[in-house]
Amino acid sequence: MKVIFLDRDGVINKEVGYLHKIEDFEFIDGVFDVCLNFQSSGYEIIVVTNQSGIERGYYSEEDFQLVTQWMLEQFKNHGIQILDVFFCPHGPESNCDCRKPKPGMFNQANDKYSIDMPNSWMVGDKEADIQAANSVGISNTILVKSGHNIDEKNSKSRFVFNSIKQVSTVL
């Protein structure tokens, strides 16, 4: 199975810092159209997201799950099926295997779904997203600019775009 892996904050929704309330969730313009294009091109969609706010005590795993269920309903209302959501609740100090740039969430997804990694894609907004994807054999990577300073010259990403709206141009 071919998959488009999407980071959440900064790719699906606007980055607000430790998002944990539905009322603070704002979809990035164009994300629904791009995801419909992914589906019609034969890709499944999986979200892989670092959520260190859980370990840091800013919000609970239940808060995260409520926002996630709401987000999935919004996608469904637009005719988009998100296959799964994998998340890491740990902070960078935990040195876990699931927090990007480590490949744990991708390995979990592959164990569950037998993914064709070389023909899959990763869309992220940080170099850690790209590093994690590269470490499991995904070379089709896209970095979107969403308020983070991106060093395009030294990025390992195959493509760098201003917005997720441009992603459809390479699929």
Protein backbone atom coordinates (compact mmCIF):
# COMPACT_ATOMS: atom_id res chain seq x y z
CA MET A 1 0.00 0.00 0.00
CA LYS A 2 1.18 3.50 -0.88
CA VAL A 3 0.79 6.12 1.82
CA ILE A 4 1.01 9.86 2.16
CA PHE A 5 2.26 10.54 5.67
CA LEU A 6 1.22 13.94 6.99
CA ASP A 7 2.49 15.77 10.02
CA ARG A 8 -0.39 17.48 11.81
CA ASP A 9 0.59 20.86 13.29
CA GLY A 10 1.83 23.16 10.54
CA VAL A 11 0.71 20.85 7.72
CA ILE A 12 -2.95 20.00 8.38
CA ASN A 13 -3.69 22.82 10.80
CA LYS A 14 -2.12 26.16 11.58
CA GLU A 15 0.60 25.95 14.20
CA VAL A 16 -0.64 27.47 17.47
CA GLY A 17 1.68 25.82 19.99
CA TYR A 18 0.45 22.84 21.98
CA LEU A 19 -2.93 22.70 20.25
CA HIS A 20 -5.40 20.82 22.44
CA LYS A 21 -8.75 22.58 22.02
CA ILE A 22 -11.09 22.17 19.06
CA GLU A 23 -11.84 25.89 19.08
CA ASP A 24 -8.14 26.61 18.42
CA PHE A 25 -7.93 24.16 15.49
CA GLU A 26 -7.78 25.94 12.13
CA PHE A 27 -7.27 23.89 8.98
CA ILE A 28 -4.62 25.16 6.58
CA ASP A 29 -6.16 26.46 3.38
CA GLY A 30 -6.18 23.82 0.65
CA VAL A 31 -5.59 20.77 2.85
CA PHE A 32 -8.92 19.13 1.96
CA ASP A 33 -8.42 19.53 -1.80
CA VAL A 34 -4.89 18.16 -1.60
CA CYS A 35 -6.02 15.16 0.46
CA LEU A 36 -8.82 14.41 -2.01
CA ASN A 37 -6.15 14.44 -4.72
CA PHE A 38 -4.02 12.01 -2.69
CA GLN A 39 -6.96 9.62 -2.41
CA SER A 40 -7.85 9.82 -6.09
CA SER A 41 -4.19 9.09 -6.90
CA GLY A 42 -4.40 5.81 -4.96
CA TYR A 43 -2.73 6.84 -1.69
CA GLU A 44 -3.87 6.12 1.83
CA ILE A 45 -3.35 8.96 4.31
CA ILE A 46 -1.71 8.49 7.71
CA VAL A 47 -0.98 11.26 10.21
CA VAL A 48 2.27 11.08 12.23
CA THR A 49 2.55 13.77 14.89
CA ASN A 50 4.80 14.64 17.82
CA GLN A 51 2.65 15.73 20.78
CA SER A 52 5.11 16.57 23.56
CA GLY A 53 2.48 18.72 25.26
CA ILE A 54 1.10 15.49 26.74
CA GLU A 55 4.29 14.58 28.61
CA ARG A 56 4.87 18.22 29.52
CA GLY A 57 1.45 18.31 31.18
CA TYR A 58 -0.03 21.05 28.97
CA TYR A 59 -2.88 18.74 27.98
CA SER A 60 -3.93 15.12 28.42
CA GLU A 61 -3.96 12.24 25.98
CA GLU A 62 -7.76 12.43 26.23
CA ASP A 63 -7.62 16.09 25.08
CA PHE A 64 -5.48 15.01 22.12
CA GLN A 65 -7.88 12.18 21.25
CA LEU A 66 -10.91 14.52 21.35
CA VAL A 67 -9.24 16.94 18.94
CA THR A 68 -8.14 14.03 16.75
CA GLN A 69 -11.65 12.55 16.54
CA TRP A 70 -13.05 15.97 15.64
CA MET A 71 -10.36 16.44 12.97
CA LEU A 72 -11.11 13.01 11.48
CA GLU A 73 -14.82 13.87 11.34
CA GLN A 74 -14.03 17.07 9.44
CA PHE A 75 -11.98 15.10 6.91
CA LYS A 76 -14.79 12.55 6.59
CA ASN A 77 -17.29 15.37 5.98
CA HIS A 78 -15.11 16.38 3.01
CA GLY A 79 -15.04 12.80 1.65
CA ILE A 80 -11.54 12.05 2.96
CA GLN A 81 -10.64 8.88 4.84
CA ILE A 82 -7.62 9.19 7.12
CA LEU A 83 -6.42 5.60 7.54
CA ASP A 84 -4.79 6.15 10.93
CA VAL A 85 -3.15 8.63 13.30
CA PHE A 86 0.08 7.78 15.10
CA PHE A 87 1.38 10.11 17.79
CA CYS A 88 4.30 10.43 20.15
CA PRO A 89 3.35 11.87 23.56
CA HIS A 90 6.97 12.29 24.65
CA GLY A 91 9.21 15.32 24.86
CA PRO A 92 12.65 15.49 23.27
CA GLU A 93 14.30 14.67 26.61
CA SER A 94 12.65 11.23 26.75
CA ASN A 95 14.87 9.83 24.02
CA CYS A 96 12.04 7.52 22.93
CA ASP A 97 11.96 5.73 19.58
CA CYS A 98 8.65 7.24 18.46
CA ARG A 99 9.43 10.97 18.46
CA LYS A 100 10.45 12.28 15.05
CA PRO A 101 13.22 12.41 13.81
CA LYS A 102 13.30 8.80 15.03
CA PRO A 103 11.29 6.37 12.89
CA GLY A 104 9.07 4.75 15.55
CA MET A 105 5.71 6.01 14.29
CA PHE A 106 6.57 5.01 10.71
CA ASN A 107 7.63 1.55 11.92
CA GLN A 108 4.36 1.19 13.87
CA ALA A 109 2.41 2.12 10.75
CA ASN A 110 4.40 -0.31 8.62
CA ASP A 111 3.92 -3.13 11.14
CA LYS A 112 0.17 -2.54 11.05
CA TYR A 113 -0.32 -1.92 7.30
CA SER A 114 2.70 -3.31 5.33
CA ILE A 115 3.46 -0.02 3.59
CA ASP A 116 5.36 0.37 0.33
CA MET A 117 7.79 2.90 1.81
CA PRO A 118 9.81 3.63 -1.38
CA ASN A 119 6.60 4.65 -3.18
CA SER A 120 5.14 6.58 -0.26
CA TRP A 121 5.48 10.27 0.61
CA MET A 122 5.99 12.43 3.69
CA VAL A 123 4.70 16.00 3.99
CA GLY A 124 6.08 17.85 6.98
CA ASP A 125 6.99 21.30 8.18
CA LYS A 126 10.22 20.50 10.03
CA GLU A 127 13.44 18.79 9.07
CA ALA A 128 12.73 16.14 11.76
CA ASP A 129 9.76 14.97 9.65
CA ILE A 130 12.03 14.51 6.64
CA GLN A 131 14.75 12.75 8.63
CA ALA A 132 12.26 10.26 10.07
CA ALA A 133 10.85 9.51 6.62
CA ASN A 134 14.29 9.12 5.05
CA SER A 135 15.33 6.67 7.79
CA VAL A 136 12.58 4.22 6.73
CA GLY A 137 13.24 4.48 3.00
CA ILE A 138 10.86 7.30 2.07
CA SER A 139 12.76 9.61 -0.27
CA ASN A 140 9.63 11.31 -1.63
CA THR A 141 9.54 14.14 0.88
CA ILE A 142 7.98 17.57 0.93
CA LEU A 143 8.65 20.35 3.39
CA VAL A 144 6.00 23.06 3.60
CA LYS A 145 6.78 26.49 4.98
CA SER A 146 4.35 27.26 7.76
CA GLY A 147 5.99 29.84 9.93
CA HIS A 148 9.11 27.83 10.75
CA ASN A 149 12.48 28.97 9.55
CA ILE A 150 13.47 26.46 6.89
CA ASP A 151 17.01 26.23 5.62
CA GLU A 152 16.09 25.22 2.07
CA LYS A 153 19.71 25.02 0.96
CA ASN A 154 20.59 22.38 3.55
CA SER A 155 17.25 20.60 3.73
CA LYS A 156 17.19 16.88 2.99
CA SER A 157 13.68 17.26 1.58
CA ARG A 158 13.12 16.49 -2.09
CA PHE A 159 10.76 19.46 -2.44
CA VAL A 160 10.13 22.63 -0.43
CA PHE A 161 6.86 24.49 -1.00
CA ASN A 162 5.30 27.60 0.47
CA SER A 163 1.99 25.84 1.06
CA ILE A 164 0.39 22.40 1.06
CA LYS A 165 -1.69 23.64 -1.89
CA GLN A 166 1.39 23.17 -4.11
CA VAL A 167 1.91 19.52 -3.13
CA SER A 168 -0.43 18.22 -5.84
CA THR A 169 1.95 19.53 -8.50
CA VAL A 170 4.43 16.69 -7.84
CA LEU A 171 2.10 13.71 -7.45
